[in-house]
N, C-alpha and C. Protein backbone atom coordinates (compact mmCIF):
# COMPACT_ATOMS: atom_id res chain seq x y z
N UNK A 1 1.70 -9.36 -8.88
CA UNK A 1 2.31 -8.19 -8.27
C UNK A 1 1.91 -6.96 -9.07
N UNK A 2 1.69 -5.89 -8.35
CA UNK A 2 1.33 -4.60 -8.95
C UNK A 2 2.52 -3.65 -8.77
N UNK A 3 2.85 -2.86 -9.79
CA UNK A 3 4.00 -1.96 -9.70
C UNK A 3 3.65 -0.59 -10.27
N UNK A 4 4.37 0.40 -9.77
CA UNK A 4 4.24 1.78 -10.27
C UNK A 4 5.56 2.49 -9.95
N UNK A 5 6.06 3.28 -10.91
CA UNK A 5 7.27 4.06 -10.70
C UNK A 5 6.93 5.53 -10.80
N UNK A 6 7.35 6.28 -9.78
CA UNK A 6 7.16 7.73 -9.76
C UNK A 6 8.46 8.37 -9.26
N UNK A 7 8.97 9.33 -9.99
CA UNK A 7 10.10 10.13 -9.52
C UNK A 7 11.26 9.25 -9.04
N UNK A 8 11.59 8.22 -9.79
CA UNK A 8 12.70 7.30 -9.51
C UNK A 8 12.45 6.38 -8.31
N UNK A 9 11.20 6.24 -7.89
CA UNK A 9 10.85 5.30 -6.83
C UNK A 9 9.88 4.26 -7.38
N UNK A 10 10.29 2.98 -7.26
CA UNK A 10 9.45 1.87 -7.67
C UNK A 10 8.69 1.37 -6.45
N UNK A 11 7.37 1.25 -6.59
CA UNK A 11 6.53 0.69 -5.53
C UNK A 11 5.93 -0.60 -6.05
N UNK A 12 6.18 -1.70 -5.33
CA UNK A 12 5.64 -3.01 -5.68
C UNK A 12 4.68 -3.44 -4.58
N UNK A 13 3.54 -4.01 -4.96
CA UNK A 13 2.54 -4.46 -3.99
C UNK A 13 2.16 -5.90 -4.27
N UNK A 14 2.16 -6.72 -3.21
CA UNK A 14 1.75 -8.12 -3.29
C UNK A 14 0.61 -8.34 -2.29
N UNK A 15 -0.66 -8.34 -2.75
CA UNK A 15 -1.77 -8.58 -1.84
C UNK A 15 -2.08 -10.07 -1.70
N UNK A 16 -2.73 -10.44 -0.60
CA UNK A 16 -3.15 -11.82 -0.38
C UNK A 16 -4.37 -11.84 0.53
N UNK A 17 -5.25 -12.82 0.31
CA UNK A 17 -6.40 -13.03 1.17
C UNK A 17 -5.96 -13.87 2.37
N UNK A 18 -6.47 -13.54 3.56
CA UNK A 18 -6.12 -14.27 4.78
C UNK A 18 -7.34 -15.04 5.29
N UNK A 19 -7.56 -16.25 4.80
CA UNK A 19 -8.76 -17.00 5.19
C UNK A 19 -8.81 -17.33 6.68
N UNK A 20 -7.65 -17.56 7.30
CA UNK A 20 -7.63 -17.91 8.72
C UNK A 20 -8.01 -16.74 9.63
N UNK A 21 -7.96 -15.52 9.13
CA UNK A 21 -8.33 -14.35 9.92
C UNK A 21 -9.69 -13.77 9.49
N UNK A 22 -10.30 -14.37 8.48
CA UNK A 22 -11.56 -13.89 7.94
C UNK A 22 -12.73 -14.71 8.46
N UNK A 23 -13.91 -14.08 8.44
CA UNK A 23 -15.15 -14.75 8.83
C UNK A 23 -16.22 -14.39 7.79
N UNK A 24 -16.21 -15.09 6.65
CA UNK A 24 -17.14 -14.74 5.57
C UNK A 24 -18.61 -14.74 6.00
N UNK A 25 -19.00 -15.64 6.90
CA UNK A 25 -20.41 -15.69 7.33
C UNK A 25 -20.79 -14.45 8.13
N UNK A 26 -19.78 -13.70 8.60
CA UNK A 26 -20.02 -12.46 9.34
C UNK A 26 -19.57 -11.24 8.52
N UNK A 27 -19.39 -11.43 7.22
CA UNK A 27 -18.95 -10.36 6.32
C UNK A 27 -17.65 -9.71 6.78
N UNK A 28 -16.71 -10.52 7.18
CA UNK A 28 -15.38 -10.04 7.55
C UNK A 28 -14.35 -10.75 6.67
N UNK A 29 -13.70 -9.97 5.82
CA UNK A 29 -12.69 -10.48 4.91
C UNK A 29 -11.41 -9.70 5.17
N UNK A 30 -10.33 -10.41 5.47
CA UNK A 30 -9.08 -9.74 5.82
C UNK A 30 -8.04 -10.05 4.74
N UNK A 31 -7.38 -9.00 4.30
CA UNK A 31 -6.37 -9.10 3.25
C UNK A 31 -5.06 -8.53 3.77
N UNK A 32 -3.97 -9.17 3.40
CA UNK A 32 -2.65 -8.61 3.71
C UNK A 32 -2.08 -8.01 2.43
N UNK A 33 -1.09 -7.15 2.60
CA UNK A 33 -0.35 -6.67 1.45
C UNK A 33 1.08 -6.38 1.90
N UNK A 34 2.00 -6.72 1.04
CA UNK A 34 3.42 -6.45 1.27
C UNK A 34 3.84 -5.42 0.24
N UNK A 35 4.44 -4.35 0.73
CA UNK A 35 4.88 -3.27 -0.15
C UNK A 35 6.39 -3.14 -0.08
N UNK A 36 7.01 -3.05 -1.25
CA UNK A 36 8.43 -2.79 -1.37
C UNK A 36 8.60 -1.47 -2.12
N UNK A 37 9.37 -0.56 -1.53
CA UNK A 37 9.65 0.74 -2.13
C UNK A 37 11.15 0.77 -2.43
N UNK A 38 11.51 0.96 -3.69
CA UNK A 38 12.92 0.93 -4.09
C UNK A 38 13.30 2.29 -4.65
N UNK A 39 14.37 2.85 -4.12
CA UNK A 39 14.89 4.13 -4.58
C UNK A 39 15.82 3.86 -5.77
N UNK A 40 15.35 4.16 -6.97
CA UNK A 40 16.15 3.96 -8.18
C UNK A 40 16.87 5.24 -8.59
N UNK A 41 16.77 6.27 -7.75
CA UNK A 41 17.41 7.55 -8.05
C UNK A 41 18.78 7.66 -7.40
N UNK A 42 19.26 8.89 -7.27
CA UNK A 42 20.60 9.13 -6.74
C UNK A 42 20.60 9.92 -5.43
N UNK A 43 19.42 10.21 -4.88
CA UNK A 43 19.33 11.02 -3.67
C UNK A 43 18.49 10.28 -2.62
N UNK A 44 18.97 10.18 -1.37
CA UNK A 44 18.16 9.56 -0.32
C UNK A 44 16.88 10.35 -0.10
N UNK A 45 15.84 9.64 0.33
CA UNK A 45 14.57 10.30 0.64
C UNK A 45 13.88 9.58 1.79
N UNK A 46 13.13 10.35 2.56
CA UNK A 46 12.41 9.82 3.71
C UNK A 46 10.92 9.81 3.42
N UNK A 47 10.27 8.71 3.77
CA UNK A 47 8.82 8.58 3.64
C UNK A 47 8.19 9.24 4.86
N UNK A 48 7.44 10.30 4.66
CA UNK A 48 6.89 11.07 5.78
C UNK A 48 5.42 10.79 6.07
N UNK A 49 4.61 10.52 5.02
CA UNK A 49 3.17 10.45 5.21
C UNK A 49 2.57 9.50 4.18
N UNK A 50 1.47 8.85 4.54
CA UNK A 50 0.78 7.95 3.61
C UNK A 50 -0.66 8.39 3.43
N UNK A 51 -1.18 8.12 2.23
CA UNK A 51 -2.57 8.42 1.89
C UNK A 51 -3.15 7.19 1.18
N UNK A 52 -4.24 6.66 1.69
CA UNK A 52 -4.89 5.51 1.09
C UNK A 52 -6.33 5.83 0.72
N UNK A 53 -6.77 5.27 -0.40
CA UNK A 53 -8.18 5.23 -0.77
C UNK A 53 -8.53 3.75 -0.89
N UNK A 54 -9.47 3.31 -0.06
CA UNK A 54 -9.86 1.90 0.00
C UNK A 54 -11.32 1.81 -0.44
N UNK A 55 -11.59 0.95 -1.42
CA UNK A 55 -12.93 0.79 -1.95
C UNK A 55 -13.34 -0.67 -1.81
N UNK A 56 -14.50 -0.92 -1.17
CA UNK A 56 -14.94 -2.30 -1.03
C UNK A 56 -15.76 -2.72 -2.25
N UNK A 57 -16.21 -3.96 -2.26
CA UNK A 57 -16.95 -4.50 -3.39
C UNK A 57 -18.31 -3.86 -3.63
N UNK A 58 -18.82 -3.10 -2.65
CA UNK A 58 -20.08 -2.38 -2.80
C UNK A 58 -19.87 -0.94 -3.27
N UNK A 59 -18.62 -0.56 -3.49
CA UNK A 59 -18.31 0.80 -3.92
C UNK A 59 -18.16 1.79 -2.78
N UNK A 60 -18.22 1.31 -1.53
CA UNK A 60 -18.02 2.19 -0.37
C UNK A 60 -16.54 2.57 -0.29
N UNK A 61 -16.27 3.86 -0.13
CA UNK A 61 -14.90 4.37 -0.13
C UNK A 61 -14.56 4.91 1.25
N UNK A 62 -13.35 4.59 1.70
CA UNK A 62 -12.85 5.22 2.92
C UNK A 62 -11.42 5.68 2.67
N UNK A 63 -11.06 6.75 3.33
CA UNK A 63 -9.72 7.33 3.21
C UNK A 63 -8.97 7.08 4.51
N UNK A 64 -7.69 6.77 4.38
CA UNK A 64 -6.82 6.58 5.54
C UNK A 64 -5.56 7.39 5.29
N UNK A 65 -5.25 8.29 6.19
CA UNK A 65 -4.05 9.12 6.09
C UNK A 65 -3.31 9.06 7.42
N UNK A 66 -2.00 9.16 7.36
CA UNK A 66 -1.25 9.19 8.60
C UNK A 66 0.24 9.31 8.35
N UNK A 67 0.98 9.56 9.43
CA UNK A 67 2.44 9.68 9.31
C UNK A 67 3.09 8.32 9.08
N UNK A 68 4.08 8.29 8.21
CA UNK A 68 4.90 7.11 7.99
C UNK A 68 4.09 5.87 7.61
N UNK A 69 4.74 4.73 7.80
CA UNK A 69 4.13 3.42 7.58
C UNK A 69 4.57 2.49 8.70
N UNK A 70 3.66 1.69 9.18
CA UNK A 70 3.90 0.74 10.28
C UNK A 70 4.76 1.36 11.40
N UNK A 71 4.44 2.59 11.77
CA UNK A 71 5.14 3.26 12.87
C UNK A 71 6.53 3.78 12.53
N UNK A 72 6.88 3.79 11.27
CA UNK A 72 8.22 4.24 10.88
C UNK A 72 8.12 5.32 9.80
N UNK A 73 9.15 6.15 9.72
CA UNK A 73 9.35 7.08 8.62
C UNK A 73 10.72 6.75 8.02
N UNK A 74 10.76 5.67 7.22
CA UNK A 74 12.05 5.17 6.74
C UNK A 74 12.75 6.10 5.76
N UNK A 75 14.07 6.16 5.89
CA UNK A 75 14.88 6.83 4.88
C UNK A 75 15.35 5.76 3.92
N UNK A 76 15.13 6.00 2.63
CA UNK A 76 15.46 5.01 1.61
C UNK A 76 16.62 5.56 0.78
N UNK A 77 17.75 4.89 0.90
CA UNK A 77 18.98 5.32 0.22
C UNK A 77 18.95 4.92 -1.26
N UNK A 78 19.72 5.60 -2.09
CA UNK A 78 19.79 5.23 -3.51
C UNK A 78 20.21 3.77 -3.67
N UNK A 79 19.50 3.06 -4.53
CA UNK A 79 19.80 1.65 -4.76
C UNK A 79 19.29 0.72 -3.68
N UNK A 80 18.62 1.26 -2.67
CA UNK A 80 18.13 0.45 -1.56
C UNK A 80 16.61 0.44 -1.57
N UNK A 81 16.04 -0.38 -0.71
CA UNK A 81 14.60 -0.47 -0.62
C UNK A 81 14.13 -0.58 0.82
N UNK A 82 12.83 -0.44 0.98
CA UNK A 82 12.18 -0.63 2.26
C UNK A 82 10.95 -1.50 2.01
N UNK A 83 10.79 -2.52 2.83
CA UNK A 83 9.68 -3.47 2.65
C UNK A 83 8.90 -3.55 3.95
N UNK A 84 7.58 -3.55 3.83
CA UNK A 84 6.76 -3.72 5.03
C UNK A 84 5.48 -4.45 4.66
N UNK A 85 4.83 -5.00 5.68
CA UNK A 85 3.57 -5.71 5.50
C UNK A 85 2.51 -5.05 6.36
N UNK A 86 1.29 -5.05 5.85
CA UNK A 86 0.16 -4.53 6.61
C UNK A 86 -1.08 -5.31 6.18
N UNK A 87 -2.25 -4.88 6.65
CA UNK A 87 -3.47 -5.60 6.32
C UNK A 87 -4.63 -4.63 6.16
N UNK A 88 -5.71 -5.15 5.57
CA UNK A 88 -6.91 -4.35 5.35
C UNK A 88 -8.13 -5.24 5.52
N UNK A 89 -9.00 -4.93 6.48
CA UNK A 89 -10.26 -5.67 6.60
C UNK A 89 -11.34 -5.04 5.70
N UNK A 90 -12.15 -5.88 5.09
CA UNK A 90 -13.28 -5.42 4.29
C UNK A 90 -14.53 -6.19 4.71
N UNK A 91 -15.69 -5.66 4.36
CA UNK A 91 -16.94 -6.37 4.61
C UNK A 91 -17.41 -7.11 3.37
N UNK A 92 -16.64 -7.06 2.31
CA UNK A 92 -16.94 -7.75 1.05
C UNK A 92 -15.74 -8.59 0.63
N UNK A 93 -15.95 -9.64 -0.19
CA UNK A 93 -14.83 -10.50 -0.60
C UNK A 93 -13.95 -9.89 -1.68
N UNK A 94 -14.30 -8.68 -2.14
CA UNK A 94 -13.46 -8.00 -3.13
C UNK A 94 -13.36 -6.52 -2.76
N UNK A 95 -12.33 -5.89 -3.30
CA UNK A 95 -12.14 -4.46 -3.11
C UNK A 95 -10.85 -4.05 -3.78
N UNK A 96 -10.47 -2.81 -3.57
CA UNK A 96 -9.20 -2.35 -4.11
C UNK A 96 -8.65 -1.23 -3.24
N UNK A 97 -7.37 -1.00 -3.42
CA UNK A 97 -6.67 0.06 -2.70
C UNK A 97 -5.76 0.80 -3.68
N UNK A 98 -5.55 2.05 -3.39
CA UNK A 98 -4.57 2.87 -4.12
C UNK A 98 -4.15 3.97 -3.18
N UNK A 99 -3.05 4.65 -3.51
CA UNK A 99 -2.64 5.73 -2.63
C UNK A 99 -1.36 6.40 -3.07
N UNK A 100 -0.75 7.07 -2.09
CA UNK A 100 0.51 7.75 -2.35
C UNK A 100 1.28 7.93 -1.04
N UNK A 101 2.56 8.17 -1.19
CA UNK A 101 3.44 8.49 -0.07
C UNK A 101 4.00 9.89 -0.29
N UNK A 102 4.00 10.70 0.75
CA UNK A 102 4.67 11.99 0.71
C UNK A 102 6.12 11.77 1.14
N UNK A 103 7.04 12.25 0.33
CA UNK A 103 8.47 12.04 0.55
C UNK A 103 9.17 13.39 0.70
N UNK A 104 10.33 13.37 1.36
CA UNK A 104 11.22 14.53 1.36
C UNK A 104 12.63 13.99 1.16
N UNK A 105 13.34 14.57 0.19
CA UNK A 105 14.68 14.06 -0.09
C UNK A 105 15.74 14.80 0.70
N UNK A 106 16.97 14.35 0.58
CA UNK A 106 18.08 14.90 1.36
C UNK A 106 18.35 16.36 1.02
N UNK A 107 17.83 16.84 -0.11
CA UNK A 107 17.99 18.24 -0.49
C UNK A 107 16.83 19.11 -0.01
N UNK A 108 15.86 18.50 0.70
CA UNK A 108 14.71 19.24 1.22
C UNK A 108 13.54 19.33 0.26
N UNK A 109 13.66 18.70 -0.90
CA UNK A 109 12.57 18.72 -1.89
C UNK A 109 11.47 17.75 -1.45
N UNK A 110 10.22 18.21 -1.46
CA UNK A 110 9.09 17.33 -1.14
C UNK A 110 8.41 16.90 -2.43
N UNK A 111 7.94 15.67 -2.45
CA UNK A 111 7.27 15.12 -3.63
C UNK A 111 6.43 13.92 -3.18
N UNK A 112 5.56 13.48 -4.07
CA UNK A 112 4.72 12.32 -3.79
C UNK A 112 5.04 11.20 -4.77
N UNK A 113 4.95 9.97 -4.28
CA UNK A 113 5.07 8.81 -5.15
C UNK A 113 3.77 8.02 -5.06
N UNK A 114 3.37 7.46 -6.19
CA UNK A 114 2.10 6.74 -6.26
C UNK A 114 2.24 5.30 -5.82
N UNK A 115 1.20 4.83 -5.13
CA UNK A 115 1.03 3.41 -4.84
C UNK A 115 0.05 2.91 -5.90
N UNK A 116 0.41 1.86 -6.65
CA UNK A 116 -0.47 1.44 -7.74
C UNK A 116 -1.82 0.94 -7.22
N UNK A 117 -2.84 1.09 -8.05
CA UNK A 117 -4.12 0.46 -7.78
C UNK A 117 -3.89 -1.04 -7.71
N UNK A 118 -4.37 -1.67 -6.62
CA UNK A 118 -4.28 -3.13 -6.54
C UNK A 118 -5.59 -3.68 -6.00
N UNK A 119 -5.83 -4.95 -6.33
CA UNK A 119 -7.11 -5.56 -6.04
C UNK A 119 -7.00 -6.56 -4.90
N UNK A 120 -8.03 -6.57 -4.07
CA UNK A 120 -8.15 -7.49 -2.95
C UNK A 120 -9.29 -8.43 -3.30
N UNK A 121 -9.00 -9.74 -3.33
CA UNK A 121 -10.01 -10.70 -3.76
C UNK A 121 -9.91 -12.00 -2.99
N UNK A 122 -11.05 -12.47 -2.49
CA UNK A 122 -11.16 -13.83 -2.01
C UNK A 122 -11.63 -14.65 -3.20
N UNK A 123 -10.68 -15.19 -3.95
CA UNK A 123 -11.01 -15.87 -5.20
C UNK A 123 -11.86 -17.12 -4.99
N UNK A 124 -11.84 -17.66 -3.79
CA UNK A 124 -12.64 -18.88 -3.53
C UNK A 124 -14.14 -18.58 -3.57
N UNK A 125 -14.54 -17.32 -3.33
CA UNK A 125 -15.96 -16.96 -3.30
C UNK A 125 -16.44 -16.33 -4.59
N UNK A 126 -15.58 -16.25 -5.60
CA UNK A 126 -15.97 -15.66 -6.88
C UNK A 126 -16.28 -16.76 -7.87
N UNK A 127 -17.30 -16.57 -8.67
CA UNK A 127 -17.69 -17.60 -9.66
C UNK A 127 -17.41 -17.08 -11.05
């Protein structure tokens, strides 16, 4: 598990390779990741926007930005968390992801929280 804490928000990431959805002979490798965001502060905040930097094993970089996560803009109350799952296809058996979430708290303050750098690996194809 990969973790990062920013501004009283803990972000945990659990990546996994999905062999049943991948086709290595066609350079298609699919990875899932489960993210848990925990509000360790005292003020509710809403996740408004996400920013991703995805790098494959060849060093090719792509950026993904958009509103919310998985179609939601969750409000995360103090002491509570929000968990979601998503996926990332790559053309290589390794890569990494990192990013941030834009938040706005109940007082109208905007801030960003970091998503830790995490690695995507099909360990069966690595020697």
